[in-house]
C-alpha atoms as a PDB file:
ATOM      1  CA  UNK A   1      -4.818   4.871  18.124  1.00  0.00           C
ATOM      2  CA  UNK A   2      -6.580   7.262  20.538  1.00  0.00           C
ATOM      3  CA  UNK A   3      -6.105  10.087  18.027  1.00  0.00           C
ATOM      4  CA  UNK A   4      -7.796   7.963  15.343  1.00  0.00           C
ATOM      5  CA  UNK A   5     -10.699   7.213  17.707  1.00  0.00           C
ATOM      6  CA  UNK A   6     -11.247  10.884  18.579  1.00  0.00           C
ATOM      7  CA  UNK A   7     -11.012  11.890  14.901  1.00  0.00           C
ATOM      8  CA  UNK A   8     -13.588   9.263  13.994  1.00  0.00           C
ATOM      9  CA  UNK A   9     -15.934  10.408  16.767  1.00  0.00           C
ATOM     10  CA  UNK A  10     -15.633  14.071  15.734  1.00  0.00           C
ATOM     11  CA  UNK A  11     -16.215  13.245  12.063  1.00  0.00           C
ATOM     12  CA  UNK A  12     -19.294  11.154  12.772  1.00  0.00           C
ATOM     13  CA  UNK A  13     -20.845  13.693  15.153  1.00  0.00           C
ATOM     14  CA  UNK A  14     -20.168  16.556  12.720  1.00  0.00           C
ATOM     15  CA  UNK A  15     -21.760  14.597   9.877  1.00  0.00           C
ATOM     16  CA  UNK A  16     -24.783  13.729  11.986  1.00  0.00           C
ATOM     17  CA  UNK A  17     -25.352  17.298  13.160  1.00  0.00           C
ATOM     18  CA  UNK A  18     -24.962  18.720   9.643  1.00  0.00           C
ATOM     19  CA  UNK A  19     -27.318  16.152   8.152  1.00  0.00           C
ATOM     20  CA  UNK A  20     -29.928  16.658  10.855  1.00  0.00           C
ATOM     21  CA  UNK A  21     -29.854  20.393  10.258  1.00  0.00           C
ATOM     22  CA  UNK A  22     -30.342  20.149   6.509  1.00  0.00           C
ATOM     23  CA  UNK A  23     -32.565  17.059   6.240  1.00  0.00           C
ATOM     24  CA  UNK A  24     -34.354  16.979   9.537  1.00  0.00           C
ATOM     25  CA  UNK A  25     -37.284  14.906   8.217  1.00  0.00           C
ATOM     26  CA  UNK A  26     -35.162  12.373   6.333  1.00  0.00           C
ATOM     27  CA  UNK A  27     -32.494  11.247   8.770  1.00  0.00           C
ATOM     28  CA  UNK A  28     -32.415   9.501  12.100  1.00  0.00           C
ATOM     29  CA  UNK A  29     -29.718   9.181  14.701  1.00  0.00           C
ATOM     30  CA  UNK A  30     -29.347   5.671  16.094  1.00  0.00           C
ATOM     31  CA  UNK A  31     -27.858   4.594  19.407  1.00  0.00           C
ATOM     32  CA  UNK A  32     -26.885   0.934  19.450  1.00  0.00           C
ATOM     33  CA  UNK A  33     -25.657  -1.600  21.958  1.00  0.00           C
ATOM     34  CA  UNK A  34     -25.460  -5.358  21.928  1.00  0.00           C
ATOM     35  CA  UNK A  35     -23.241  -8.430  21.811  1.00  0.00           C
ATOM     36  CA  UNK A  36     -20.817 -10.029  19.380  1.00  0.00           C
ATOM     37  CA  UNK A  37     -19.273 -13.421  18.744  1.00  0.00           C
ATOM     38  CA  UNK A  38     -15.690 -13.211  17.486  1.00  0.00           C
ATOM     39  CA  UNK A  39     -13.989 -16.097  15.673  1.00  0.00           C
ATOM     40  CA  UNK A  40     -10.357 -16.204  14.558  1.00  0.00           C
ATOM     41  CA  UNK A  41     -10.269 -18.527  11.548  1.00  0.00           C
ATOM     42  CA  UNK A  42      -6.781 -20.058  11.305  1.00  0.00           C
ATOM     43  CA  UNK A  43      -5.139 -23.413  10.609  1.00  0.00           C
ATOM     44  CA  UNK A  44      -2.045 -22.561  12.648  1.00  0.00           C
ATOM     45  CA  UNK A  45      -3.519 -23.299  16.092  1.00  0.00           C
ATOM     46  CA  UNK A  46      -6.806 -24.223  17.728  1.00  0.00           C
ATOM     47  CA  UNK A  47      -9.285 -21.442  18.462  1.00  0.00           C
ATOM     48  CA  UNK A  48     -12.821 -21.110  19.797  1.00  0.00           C
ATOM     49  CA  UNK A  49     -15.210 -18.166  19.442  1.00  0.00           C
ATOM     50  CA  UNK A  50     -15.876 -15.876  22.385  1.00  0.00           C
ATOM     51  CA  UNK A  51     -18.582 -13.371  23.322  1.00  0.00           C
ATOM     52  CA  UNK A  52     -18.097  -9.610  23.728  1.00  0.00           C
ATOM     53  CA  UNK A  53     -20.069  -6.372  23.656  1.00  0.00           C
ATOM     54  CA  UNK A  54     -20.792  -3.494  21.230  1.00  0.00           C
ATOM     55  CA  UNK A  55     -21.854   0.143  21.604  1.00  0.00           C
ATOM     56  CA  UNK A  56     -22.124   2.787  18.924  1.00  0.00           C
ATOM     57  CA  UNK A  57     -23.769   5.615  17.008  1.00  0.00           C
ATOM     58  CA  UNK A  58     -25.236   5.662  13.512  1.00  0.00           C
ATOM     59  CA  UNK A  59     -27.075   7.894  11.093  1.00  0.00           C
ATOM     60  CA  UNK A  60     -29.666   6.518   8.679  1.00  0.00           C
ATOM     61  CA  UNK A  61     -30.701   8.752   5.777  1.00  0.00           C
ATOM     62  CA  UNK A  62     -32.629   8.515   2.525  1.00  0.00           C
ATOM     63  CA  UNK A  63     -30.336   7.773  -0.401  1.00  0.00           C
ATOM     64  CA  UNK A  64     -32.354   6.916  -3.519  1.00  0.00           C
ATOM     65  CA  UNK A  65     -35.862   5.459  -4.001  1.00  0.00           C
ATOM     66  CA  UNK A  66     -36.042   2.447  -1.631  1.00  0.00           C
ATOM     67  CA  UNK A  67     -32.422   2.757  -0.546  1.00  0.00           C
ATOM     68  CA  UNK A  68     -31.038   4.290   2.642  1.00  0.00           C
ATOM     69  CA  UNK A  69     -27.438   5.000   3.518  1.00  0.00           C
ATOM     70  CA  UNK A  70     -26.237   4.134   7.025  1.00  0.00           C
ATOM     71  CA  UNK A  71     -23.095   5.735   8.490  1.00  0.00           C
ATOM     72  CA  UNK A  72     -22.030   4.177  11.763  1.00  0.00           C
ATOM     73  CA  UNK A  73     -19.269   3.921  14.311  1.00  0.00           C
ATOM     74  CA  UNK A  74     -19.043   1.071  16.785  1.00  0.00           C
ATOM     75  CA  UNK A  75     -16.807   0.414  19.767  1.00  0.00           C
ATOM     76  CA  UNK A  76     -16.403  -3.231  20.749  1.00  0.00           C
ATOM     77  CA  UNK A  77     -14.720  -5.614  23.085  1.00  0.00           C
ATOM     78  CA  UNK A  78     -14.101  -8.932  21.329  1.00  0.00           C
ATOM     79  CA  UNK A  79     -13.015 -12.226  22.872  1.00  0.00           C
ATOM     80  CA  UNK A  80     -11.766 -15.551  21.540  1.00  0.00           C
ATOM     81  CA  UNK A  81     -10.030 -18.585  23.000  1.00  0.00           C
ATOM     82  CA  UNK A  82      -6.785 -20.326  22.009  1.00  0.00           C
ATOM     83  CA  UNK A  83      -5.816 -23.815  23.173  1.00  0.00           C
ATOM     84  CA  UNK A  84      -2.604 -23.621  25.272  1.00  0.00           C
ATOM     85  CA  UNK A  85      -0.530 -25.828  27.544  1.00  0.00           C
ATOM     86  CA  UNK A  86       0.591 -24.894  31.035  1.00  0.00           C
ATOM     87  CA  UNK A  87       2.955 -27.647  32.071  1.00  0.00           C
ATOM     88  CA  UNK A  88       0.969 -30.844  31.652  1.00  0.00           C
ATOM     89  CA  UNK A  89      -2.359 -29.025  31.794  1.00  0.00           C
ATOM     90  CA  UNK A  90      -4.249 -28.042  28.638  1.00  0.00           C
ATOM     91  CA  UNK A  91      -6.389 -24.919  29.012  1.00  0.00           C
ATOM     92  CA  UNK A  92      -8.047 -22.291  26.823  1.00  0.00           C
ATOM     93  CA  UNK A  93      -6.435 -18.867  27.065  1.00  0.00           C
ATOM     94  CA  UNK A  94      -8.792 -15.940  26.530  1.00  0.00           C
ATOM     95  CA  UNK A  95      -7.655 -13.158  24.209  1.00  0.00           C
ATOM     96  CA  UNK A  96      -9.415  -9.798  24.470  1.00  0.00           C
ATOM     97  CA  UNK A  97      -9.467  -7.246  21.646  1.00  0.00           C
ATOM     98  CA  UNK A  98     -10.714  -3.652  22.000  1.00  0.00           C
ATOM     99  CA  UNK A  99     -11.621  -2.060  18.678  1.00  0.00           C
ATOM    100  CA  UNK A 100     -13.417   0.755  16.885  1.00  0.00           C
ATOM    101  CA  UNK A 101     -15.193   0.326  13.565  1.00  0.00           C
ATOM    102  CA  UNK A 102     -16.407   2.816  10.987  1.00  0.00           C
ATOM    103  CA  UNK A 103     -18.816   1.571   8.327  1.00  0.00           C
ATOM    104  CA  UNK A 104     -20.788   2.817   5.357  1.00  0.00           C
ATOM    105  CA  UNK A 105     -23.725   0.564   4.494  1.00  0.00           C
ATOM    106  CA  UNK A 106     -26.290   0.604   1.715  1.00  0.00           C
ATOM    107  CA  UNK A 107     -29.682  -0.362   3.142  1.00  0.00           C
ATOM    108  CA  UNK A 108     -32.602  -1.627   1.045  1.00  0.00           C
ATOM    109  CA  UNK A 109     -36.057  -0.976   2.526  1.00  0.00           C
ATOM    110  CA  UNK A 110     -38.205  -4.107   2.179  1.00  0.00           C
ATOM    111  CA  UNK A 111     -40.843  -2.784   4.591  1.00  0.00           C
ATOM    112  CA  UNK A 112     -40.342   0.867   5.456  1.00  0.00           C
ATOM    113  CA  UNK A 113     -39.554   1.470   9.142  1.00  0.00           C
ATOM    114  CA  UNK A 114     -39.725  -2.284   9.805  1.00  0.00           C
ATOM    115  CA  UNK A 115     -37.431  -4.428   7.630  1.00  0.00           C
ATOM    116  CA  UNK A 116     -34.213  -3.616   5.749  1.00  0.00           C
ATOM    117  CA  UNK A 117     -31.129  -5.461   4.528  1.00  0.00           C
ATOM    118  CA  UNK A 118     -27.684  -3.845   4.592  1.00  0.00           C
ATOM    119  CA  UNK A 119     -24.308  -4.422   2.990  1.00  0.00           C
ATOM    120  CA  UNK A 120     -21.086  -2.462   2.623  1.00  0.00           C
ATOM    121  CA  UNK A 121     -17.514  -1.974   3.868  1.00  0.00           C
ATOM    122  CA  UNK A 122     -16.335  -1.707   7.457  1.00  0.00           C
ATOM    123  CA  UNK A 123     -12.897  -0.561   8.607  1.00  0.00           C
ATOM    124  CA  UNK A 124     -11.638  -1.578  12.038  1.00  0.00           C
ATOM    125  CA  UNK A 125      -8.861  -0.063  14.149  1.00  0.00           C
ATOM    126  CA  UNK A 126      -7.634  -1.996  17.156  1.00  0.00           C
ATOM    127  CA  UNK A 127      -4.780  -2.295  19.588  1.00  0.00           C
ATOM    128  CA  UNK A 128      -2.877  -5.342  20.753  1.00  0.00           C
ATOM    129  CA  UNK A 129      -4.566  -8.426  22.114  1.00  0.00           C
ATOM    130  CA  UNK A 130      -4.779  -8.624  25.901  1.00  0.00           C
ATOM    131  CA  UNK A 131      -4.388 -11.766  27.997  1.00  0.00           C
ATOM    132  CA  UNK A 132      -4.144 -12.409  31.724  1.00  0.00           C
ATOM    133  CA  UNK A 133      -0.558 -12.306  32.962  1.00  0.00           C
ATOM    134  CA  UNK A 134      -0.940 -15.743  34.498  1.00  0.00           C
ATOM    135  CA  UNK A 135      -1.390 -17.160  30.964  1.00  0.00           C
ATOM    136  CA  UNK A 136       1.374 -15.200  29.197  1.00  0.00           C
ATOM    137  CA  UNK A 137       3.919 -18.039  29.256  1.00  0.00           C
ATOM    138  CA  UNK A 138       1.504 -20.794  28.289  1.00  0.00           C
ATOM    139  CA  UNK A 139       2.606 -22.619  25.140  1.00  0.00           C
ATOM    140  CA  UNK A 140       0.131 -22.476  22.254  1.00  0.00           C
ATOM    141  CA  UNK A 141      -0.852 -26.069  21.509  1.00  0.00           C
ATOM    142  CA  UNK A 142       0.808 -27.516  18.409  1.00  0.00           C
ATOM    143  CA  UNK A 143       3.436 -24.755  18.251  1.00  0.00           C
ATOM    144  CA  UNK A 144       6.523 -23.531  20.090  1.00  0.00           C
ATOM    145  CA  UNK A 145       4.976 -20.073  20.551  1.00  0.00           C
ATOM    146  CA  UNK A 146       4.070 -18.615  23.910  1.00  0.00           C
ATOM    147  CA  UNK A 147       0.642 -17.068  24.412  1.00  0.00           C
ATOM    148  CA  UNK A 148       2.231 -13.607  24.664  1.00  0.00           C
ATOM    149  CA  UNK A 149       4.012 -14.018  21.300  1.00  0.00           C
ATOM    150  CA  UNK A 150       0.862 -13.409  19.232  1.00  0.00           C
ATOM    151  CA  UNK A 151      -0.600 -10.296  20.886  1.00  0.00           C
ATOM    152  CA  UNK A 152       0.872  -7.683  18.478  1.00  0.00           C
ATOM    153  CA  UNK A 153      -1.593  -8.326  15.651  1.00  0.00           C
ATOM    154  CA  UNK A 154      -2.361  -6.055  12.680  1.00  0.00           C
ATOM    155  CA  UNK A 155      -4.082  -2.849  13.806  1.00  0.00           C
ATOM    156  CA  UNK A 156      -6.152  -2.195  10.673  1.00  0.00           C
ATOM    157  CA  UNK A 157      -8.683  -4.668   9.314  1.00  0.00           C
ATOM    158  CA  UNK A 158     -11.193  -4.491   6.467  1.00  0.00           C
ATOM    159  CA  UNK A 159     -14.532  -6.294   6.707  1.00  0.00           C
ATOM    160  CA  UNK A 160     -17.218  -6.649   4.023  1.00  0.00           C
ATOM    161  CA  UNK A 161     -20.439  -6.671   6.047  1.00  0.00           C
ATOM    162  CA  UNK A 162     -23.965  -7.982   5.437  1.00  0.00           C
ATOM    163  CA  UNK A 163     -26.899  -7.641   7.786  1.00  0.00           C
ATOM    164  CA  UNK A 164     -30.609  -7.373   8.397  1.00  0.00           C
ATOM    165  CA  UNK A 165     -32.520  -4.877  10.534  1.00  0.00           C
ATOM    166  CA  UNK A 166     -36.047  -5.583  11.799  1.00  0.00           C
ATOM    167  CA  UNK A 167     -38.405  -3.898  14.250  1.00  0.00           C
ATOM    168  CA  UNK A 168     -40.473  -0.752  14.760  1.00  0.00           C
ATOM    169  CA  UNK A 169     -39.843   2.858  13.776  1.00  0.00           C
ATOM    170  CA  UNK A 170     -37.786   3.739  16.828  1.00  0.00           C
ATOM    171  CA  UNK A 171     -36.661   0.328  18.127  1.00  0.00           C
ATOM    172  CA  UNK A 172     -34.993  -2.216  15.867  1.00  0.00           C
ATOM    173  CA  UNK A 173     -32.704  -5.215  16.065  1.00  0.00           C
ATOM    174  CA  UNK A 174     -29.745  -5.453  13.696  1.00  0.00           C
ATOM    175  CA  UNK A 175     -27.942  -8.732  13.021  1.00  0.00           C
ATOM    176  CA  UNK A 176     -24.816  -8.593  10.860  1.00  0.00           C
ATOM    177  CA  UNK A 177     -21.855 -10.715   9.866  1.00  0.00           C
ATOM    178  CA  UNK A 178     -18.380  -9.410   9.045  1.00  0.00           C
ATOM    179  CA  UNK A 179     -15.501 -11.352   7.532  1.00  0.00           C
ATOM    180  CA  UNK A 180     -11.999  -9.939   7.583  1.00  0.00           C
ATOM    181  CA  UNK A 181     -10.291  -9.938   4.191  1.00  0.00           C
ATOM    182  CA  UNK A 182      -6.766  -9.148   5.358  1.00  0.00           C
ATOM    183  CA  UNK A 183      -4.518 -11.422   7.408  1.00  0.00           C
ATOM    184  CA  UNK A 184      -5.082 -10.397  11.016  1.00  0.00           C
ATOM    185  CA  UNK A 185      -1.913 -12.236  12.075  1.00  0.00           C
ATOM    186  CA  UNK A 186       0.233 -10.849   9.246  1.00  0.00           C
ATOM    187  CA  UNK A 187       1.989  -8.356  11.502  1.00  0.00           C
ATOM    188  CA  UNK A 188       3.393 -11.255  13.547  1.00  0.00           C
ATOM    189  CA  UNK A 189       5.299 -12.641  10.565  1.00  0.00           C
ATOM    190  CA  UNK A 190       7.685  -9.683  10.794  1.00  0.00           C
ATOM    191  CA  UNK A 191       8.574 -10.383  14.444  1.00  0.00           C
ATOM    192  CA  UNK A 192      11.263 -13.034  13.783  1.00  0.00           C
ATOM    193  CA  UNK A 193       9.103 -15.739  15.336  1.00  0.00           C
ATOM    194  CA  UNK A 194      10.087 -18.275  12.696  1.00  0.00           C
ATOM    195  CA  UNK A 195       6.477 -18.829  11.626  1.00  0.00           C
ATOM    196  CA  UNK A 196       4.185 -17.853   8.778  1.00  0.00           C
ATOM    197  CA  UNK A 197       0.827 -17.277  10.446  1.00  0.00           C
ATOM    198  CA  UNK A 198      -2.468 -16.594   8.719  1.00  0.00           C
ATOM    199  CA  UNK A 199      -5.794 -15.804  10.317  1.00  0.00           C
ATOM    200  CA  UNK A 200      -9.005 -14.083   9.278  1.00  0.00           C
ATOM    201  CA  UNK A 201     -11.552 -12.740  11.727  1.00  0.00           C
ATOM    202  CA  UNK A 202     -15.274 -13.418  11.531  1.00  0.00           C
ATOM    203  CA  UNK A 203     -17.652 -11.364  13.679  1.00  0.00           C
ATOM    204  CA  UNK A 204     -21.364 -11.999  14.279  1.00  0.00           C
ATOM    205  CA  UNK A 205     -23.084  -8.934  15.787  1.00  0.00           C
ATOM    206  CA  UNK A 206     -26.493  -8.598  17.392  1.00  0.00           C
ATOM    207  CA  UNK A 207     -27.437  -5.030  18.334  1.00  0.00           C
ATOM    208  CA  UNK A 208     -30.504  -3.179  19.563  1.00  0.00           C
ATOM    209  CA  UNK A 209     -30.793   0.160  17.747  1.00  0.00           C
ATOM    210  CA  UNK A 210     -32.787   3.023  19.255  1.00  0.00           C
ATOM    211  CA  UNK A 211     -33.639   5.703  16.672  1.00  0.00           C
ATOM    212  CA  UNK A 212     -34.196   9.211  18.078  1.00  0.00           C
END
């Protein structure tokens, strides 16, 4: 996964540098950071959304008439909670997911430099879920699975994304929502766990974007 991350970083930086050189007056580099709320939508066990953080780079360039194209890469830490039992005690176990996303968004300029709406595909690469060792042997409520049994989730996810960006020329706020099309828990069904799990991720992002 590290190789994929480094390849993505190199590709984005190369694209940005090349575009800035050839279209210096038409493109802007954006540095973003903010928060996210991650929800795992599943009927197989009880979950609650959790809050994480985002940081990334983007390039916004003129595409056609009132349309821009936005290339971006975002690194995130996502969190969500799963209801588990530890003996006779019921507690929420926190699952942490580190990920990298690459997206290509069409952006329609409603008010130039102030208000745009975006939509397009996002691809996410992630590792396994992480939980505290003290919670590893908790039993997931309503199942016979242990908390550690569901950490090896699918590593590639595809998210259609919609969002809105508002602010000034160099400082804007972007709010977006992503819904995962593929089964995030599908990889677990090949682990001989005796279950057929299905879950789709939903991510609400709120980022501050600083355009250079």
